[in-house]
PDB file of N, CA and C in Angstrom:
ATOM      1  N   MET A   1      30.985  37.817 -32.947  1.00  0.00           N
ATOM      2  CA  MET A   1      29.680  37.914 -32.315  1.00  0.00           C
ATOM      3  C   MET A   1      29.813  37.436 -30.865  1.00  0.00           C
ATOM      4  N   ALA A   2      29.173  38.106 -29.971  1.00  0.00           N
ATOM      5  CA  ALA A   2      29.252  37.765 -28.557  1.00  0.00           C
ATOM      6  C   ALA A   2      28.506  36.465 -28.279  1.00  0.00           C
ATOM      7  N   GLU A   3      28.928  35.787 -27.226  1.00  0.00           N
ATOM      8  CA  GLU A   3      28.307  34.513 -26.867  1.00  0.00           C
ATOM      9  C   GLU A   3      26.809  34.671 -26.623  1.00  0.00           C
ATOM     10  N   ARG A   4      26.428  35.774 -26.008  1.00  0.00           N
ATOM     11  CA  ARG A   4      25.002  36.027 -25.738  1.00  0.00           C
ATOM     12  C   ARG A   4      24.222  36.160 -27.044  1.00  0.00           C
ATOM     13  N   ASP A   5      24.820  36.848 -28.022  1.00  0.00           N
ATOM     14  CA  ASP A   5      24.182  36.989 -29.333  1.00  0.00           C
ATOM     15  C   ASP A   5      24.026  35.631 -30.004  1.00  0.00           C
ATOM     16  N   ASP A   6      25.048  34.779 -29.879  1.00  0.00           N
ATOM     17  CA  ASP A   6      24.973  33.425 -30.433  1.00  0.00           C
ATOM     18  C   ASP A   6      23.795  32.671 -29.835  1.00  0.00           C
ATOM     19  N   PHE A   7      23.605  32.804 -28.539  1.00  0.00           N
ATOM     20  CA  PHE A   7      22.509  32.120 -27.854  1.00  0.00           C
ATOM     21  C   PHE A   7      21.172  32.528 -28.469  1.00  0.00           C
ATOM     22  N   TYR A   8      20.961  33.834 -28.644  1.00  0.00           N
ATOM     23  CA  TYR A   8      19.692  34.315 -29.191  1.00  0.00           C
ATOM     24  C   TYR A   8      19.501  33.896 -30.641  1.00  0.00           C
ATOM     25  N   LEU A   9      20.574  33.882 -31.392  1.00  0.00           N
ATOM     26  CA  LEU A   9      20.506  33.447 -32.781  1.00  0.00           C
ATOM     27  C   LEU A   9      20.113  31.976 -32.871  1.00  0.00           C
ATOM     28  N   ILE A  10      20.737  31.150 -32.072  1.00  0.00           N
ATOM     29  CA  ILE A  10      20.438  29.718 -32.087  1.00  0.00           C
ATOM     30  C   ILE A  10      19.009  29.468 -31.599  1.00  0.00           C
ATOM     31  N   GLU A  11      18.582  30.203 -30.583  1.00  0.00           N
ATOM     32  CA  GLU A  11      17.195  30.051 -30.101  1.00  0.00           C
ATOM     33  C   GLU A  11      16.197  30.443 -31.190  1.00  0.00           C
ATOM     34  N   ALA A  12      16.486  31.494 -31.927  1.00  0.00           N
ATOM     35  CA  ALA A  12      15.610  31.907 -33.024  1.00  0.00           C
ATOM     36  C   ALA A  12      15.566  30.837 -34.111  1.00  0.00           C
ATOM     37  N   LEU A  13      16.728  30.267 -34.415  1.00  0.00           N
ATOM     38  CA  LEU A  13      16.770  29.195 -35.412  1.00  0.00           C
ATOM     39  C   LEU A  13      15.990  27.973 -34.945  1.00  0.00           C
ATOM     40  N   ARG A  14      16.062  27.659 -33.679  1.00  0.00           N
ATOM     41  CA  ARG A  14      15.305  26.513 -33.148  1.00  0.00           C
ATOM     42  C   ARG A  14      13.799  26.765 -33.222  1.00  0.00           C
ATOM     43  N   GLU A  15      13.383  27.997 -33.001  1.00  0.00           N
ATOM     44  CA  GLU A  15      11.953  28.340 -33.139  1.00  0.00           C
ATOM     45  C   GLU A  15      11.517  28.173 -34.595  1.00  0.00           C
ATOM     46  N   CYS A  16      12.365  28.615 -35.512  1.00  0.00           N
ATOM     47  CA  CYS A  16      12.074  28.431 -36.935  1.00  0.00           C
ATOM     48  C   CYS A  16      12.012  26.952 -37.283  1.00  0.00           C
ATOM     49  N   GLU A  17      12.932  26.188 -36.733  1.00  0.00           N
ATOM     50  CA  GLU A  17      12.951  24.745 -36.987  1.00  0.00           C
ATOM     51  C   GLU A  17      11.637  24.109 -36.554  1.00  0.00           C
ATOM     52  N   GLU A  18      11.163  24.452 -35.376  1.00  0.00           N
ATOM     53  CA  GLU A  18       9.906  23.886 -34.884  1.00  0.00           C
ATOM     54  C   GLU A  18       8.732  24.287 -35.784  1.00  0.00           C
ATOM     55  N   TYR A  19       8.700  25.553 -36.172  1.00  0.00           N
ATOM     56  CA  TYR A  19       7.624  26.051 -37.032  1.00  0.00           C
ATOM     57  C   TYR A  19       7.600  25.291 -38.361  1.00  0.00           C
ATOM     58  N   PHE A  20       8.755  25.221 -39.021  1.00  0.00           N
ATOM     59  CA  PHE A  20       8.806  24.556 -40.322  1.00  0.00           C
ATOM     60  C   PHE A  20       8.618  23.049 -40.201  1.00  0.00           C
ATOM     61  N   ASP A  21       9.082  22.452 -39.122  1.00  0.00           N
ATOM     62  CA  ASP A  21       8.922  21.011 -38.935  1.00  0.00           C
ATOM     63  C   ASP A  21       7.443  20.630 -38.863  1.00  0.00           C
ATOM     64  N   ASN A  22       6.643  21.480 -38.258  1.00  0.00           N
ATOM     65  CA  ASN A  22       5.201  21.208 -38.151  1.00  0.00           C
ATOM     66  C   ASN A  22       4.470  21.400 -39.466  1.00  0.00           C
ATOM     67  N   ARG A  23       5.089  22.060 -40.433  1.00  0.00           N
ATOM     68  CA  ARG A  23       4.443  22.362 -41.705  1.00  0.00           C
ATOM     69  C   ARG A  23       5.099  21.692 -42.912  1.00  0.00           C
ATOM     70  N   ALA A  24       6.218  21.052 -42.687  1.00  0.00           N
ATOM     71  CA  ALA A  24       6.939  20.400 -43.789  1.00  0.00           C
ATOM     72  C   ALA A  24       6.141  19.208 -44.311  1.00  0.00           C
ATOM     73  N   ASP A  25       6.132  19.073 -45.626  1.00  0.00           N
ATOM     74  CA  ASP A  25       5.395  17.988 -46.255  1.00  0.00           C
ATOM     75  C   ASP A  25       5.970  17.772 -47.648  1.00  0.00           C
ATOM     76  N   ALA A  26       5.627  16.669 -48.218  1.00  0.00           N
ATOM     77  CA  ALA A  26       6.039  16.379 -49.586  1.00  0.00           C
ATOM     78  C   ALA A  26       4.840  15.812 -50.338  1.00  0.00           C
ATOM     79  N   GLU A  27       4.787  16.119 -51.614  1.00  0.00           N
ATOM     80  CA  GLU A  27       3.696  15.617 -52.449  1.00  0.00           C
ATOM     81  C   GLU A  27       4.243  14.648 -53.485  1.00  0.00           C
ATOM     82  N   TYR A  28       3.441  13.646 -53.771  1.00  0.00           N
ATOM     83  CA  TYR A  28       3.785  12.689 -54.822  1.00  0.00           C
ATOM     84  C   TYR A  28       2.953  13.017 -56.054  1.00  0.00           C
ATOM     85  N   PHE A  29       3.614  13.084 -57.198  1.00  0.00           N
ATOM     86  CA  PHE A  29       2.934  13.344 -58.453  1.00  0.00           C
ATOM     87  C   PHE A  29       3.135  12.150 -59.369  1.00  0.00           C
ATOM     88  N   PRO A  30       2.136  11.816 -60.162  1.00  0.00           N
ATOM     89  CA  PRO A  30       2.246  10.654 -61.057  1.00  0.00           C
ATOM     90  C   PRO A  30       3.425  10.726 -62.019  1.00  0.00           C
ATOM     91  N   ASP A  31       3.819  11.925 -62.414  1.00  0.00           N
ATOM     92  CA  ASP A  31       4.904  12.069 -63.385  1.00  0.00           C
ATOM     93  C   ASP A  31       6.295  12.131 -62.748  1.00  0.00           C
ATOM     94  N   SER A  32       6.365  11.927 -61.441  1.00  0.00           N
ATOM     95  CA  SER A  32       7.644  12.024 -60.747  1.00  0.00           C
ATOM     96  C   SER A  32       7.872  10.788 -59.877  1.00  0.00           C
ATOM     97  N   ALA A  33       9.078  10.243 -59.947  1.00  0.00           N
ATOM     98  CA  ALA A  33       9.387   9.051 -59.149  1.00  0.00           C
ATOM     99  C   ALA A  33       9.632   9.399 -57.680  1.00  0.00           C
ATOM    100  N   ALA A  34      10.068  10.618 -57.439  1.00  0.00           N
ATOM    101  CA  ALA A  34      10.380  11.044 -56.067  1.00  0.00           C
ATOM    102  C   ALA A  34       9.377  12.101 -55.603  1.00  0.00           C
ATOM    103  N   PRO A  35       9.169  12.163 -54.298  1.00  0.00           N
ATOM    104  CA  PRO A  35       8.263  13.200 -53.785  1.00  0.00           C
ATOM    105  C   PRO A  35       8.883  14.592 -53.942  1.00  0.00           C
ATOM    106  N   ARG A  36       8.029  15.595 -54.051  1.00  0.00           N
ATOM    107  CA  ARG A  36       8.488  16.983 -54.165  1.00  0.00           C
ATOM    108  C   ARG A  36       8.210  17.699 -52.844  1.00  0.00           C
ATOM    109  N   PRO A  37       9.244  18.243 -52.232  1.00  0.00           N
ATOM    110  CA  PRO A  37       9.057  18.925 -50.947  1.00  0.00           C
ATOM    111  C   PRO A  37       8.335  20.263 -51.121  1.00  0.00           C
ATOM    112  N   ASN A  38       7.526  20.610 -50.105  1.00  0.00           N
ATOM    113  CA  ASN A  38       6.926  21.941 -50.137  1.00  0.00           C
ATOM    114  C   ASN A  38       7.956  22.967 -49.676  1.00  0.00           C
ATOM    115  N   GLU A  39       7.607  24.238 -49.731  1.00  0.00           N
ATOM    116  CA  GLU A  39       8.556  25.297 -49.391  1.00  0.00           C
ATOM    117  C   GLU A  39       9.014  25.193 -47.939  1.00  0.00           C
ATOM    118  N   GLU A  40       8.097  24.808 -47.047  1.00  0.00           N
ATOM    119  CA  GLU A  40       8.456  24.672 -45.638  1.00  0.00           C
ATOM    120  C   GLU A  40       9.494  23.578 -45.422  1.00  0.00           C
ATOM    121  N   MET A  41       9.404  22.501 -46.178  1.00  0.00           N
ATOM    122  CA  MET A  41      10.386  21.425 -46.047  1.00  0.00           C
ATOM    123  C   MET A  41      11.756  21.895 -46.538  1.00  0.00           C
ATOM    124  N   LYS A  42      11.766  22.676 -47.606  1.00  0.00           N
ATOM    125  CA  LYS A  42      13.031  23.209 -48.116  1.00  0.00           C
ATOM    126  C   LYS A  42      13.668  24.149 -47.095  1.00  0.00           C
ATOM    127  N   LEU A  43      12.848  25.036 -46.513  1.00  0.00           N
ATOM    128  CA  LEU A  43      13.370  25.979 -45.526  1.00  0.00           C
ATOM    129  C   LEU A  43      13.794  25.278 -44.240  1.00  0.00           C
ATOM    130  N   LEU A  44      13.115  24.201 -43.874  1.00  0.00           N
ATOM    131  CA  LEU A  44      13.502  23.425 -42.699  1.00  0.00           C
ATOM    132  C   LEU A  44      14.929  22.914 -42.850  1.00  0.00           C
ATOM    133  N   GLN A  45      15.278  22.447 -44.021  1.00  0.00           N
ATOM    134  CA  GLN A  45      16.636  21.954 -44.249  1.00  0.00           C
ATOM    135  C   GLN A  45      17.659  23.080 -44.144  1.00  0.00           C
ATOM    136  N   VAL A  46      17.315  24.258 -44.645  1.00  0.00           N
ATOM    137  CA  VAL A  46      18.210  25.417 -44.547  1.00  0.00           C
ATOM    138  C   VAL A  46      18.449  25.773 -43.080  1.00  0.00           C
ATOM    139  N   VAL A  47      17.373  25.793 -42.300  1.00  0.00           N
ATOM    140  CA  VAL A  47      17.485  26.136 -40.875  1.00  0.00           C
ATOM    141  C   VAL A  47      18.299  25.080 -40.140  1.00  0.00           C
ATOM    142  N   ARG A  48      18.049  23.819 -40.416  1.00  0.00           N
ATOM    143  CA  ARG A  48      18.814  22.751 -39.736  1.00  0.00           C
ATOM    144  C   ARG A  48      20.292  22.811 -40.103  1.00  0.00           C
ATOM    145  N   ASP A  49      20.585  23.142 -41.340  1.00  0.00           N
ATOM    146  CA  ASP A  49      21.988  23.307 -41.740  1.00  0.00           C
ATOM    147  C   ASP A  49      22.640  24.451 -40.975  1.00  0.00           C
ATOM    148  N   ALA A  50      21.897  25.552 -40.815  1.00  0.00           N
ATOM    149  CA  ALA A  50      22.432  26.702 -40.086  1.00  0.00           C
ATOM    150  C   ALA A  50      22.675  26.359 -38.622  1.00  0.00           C
ATOM    151  N   ILE A  51      21.779  25.611 -38.006  1.00  0.00           N
ATOM    152  CA  ILE A  51      21.936  25.189 -36.617  1.00  0.00           C
ATOM    153  C   ILE A  51      23.182  24.308 -36.490  1.00  0.00           C
ATOM    154  N   ARG A  52      23.332  23.384 -37.415  1.00  0.00           N
ATOM    155  CA  ARG A  52      24.492  22.493 -37.398  1.00  0.00           C
ATOM    156  C   ARG A  52      25.800  23.281 -37.537  1.00  0.00           C
ATOM    157  N   LYS A  53      25.810  24.229 -38.467  1.00  0.00           N
ATOM    158  CA  LYS A  53      27.014  25.036 -38.683  1.00  0.00           C
ATOM    159  C   LYS A  53      27.326  25.934 -37.496  1.00  0.00           C
ATOM    160  N   ALA A  54      26.282  26.319 -36.752  1.00  0.00           N
ATOM    161  CA  ALA A  54      26.487  27.141 -35.551  1.00  0.00           C
ATOM    162  C   ALA A  54      27.024  26.326 -34.393  1.00  0.00           C
ATOM    163  N   GLY A  55      27.034  25.004 -34.572  1.00  0.00           N
ATOM    164  CA  GLY A  55      27.579  24.137 -33.534  1.00  0.00           C
ATOM    165  C   GLY A  55      26.639  23.864 -32.397  1.00  0.00           C
ATOM    166  N   ALA A  56      25.358  24.039 -32.645  1.00  0.00           N
ATOM    167  CA  ALA A  56      24.372  23.823 -31.578  1.00  0.00           C
ATOM    168  C   ALA A  56      23.841  22.405 -31.602  1.00  0.00           C
TER     169      ALA A  56
END
């Protein structure tokens, strides 16, 4: 992949990171000792992992 393409990919991932970061949350339920992440929190971790692996 060309360096320019990498730039656009990383920028897109950073936009996703910001979007999911503003919506990430976890809920506590009486039957669970740990909080349960919402879908946005799960996807935020996927995006952050991808950014890290891209070396950004």
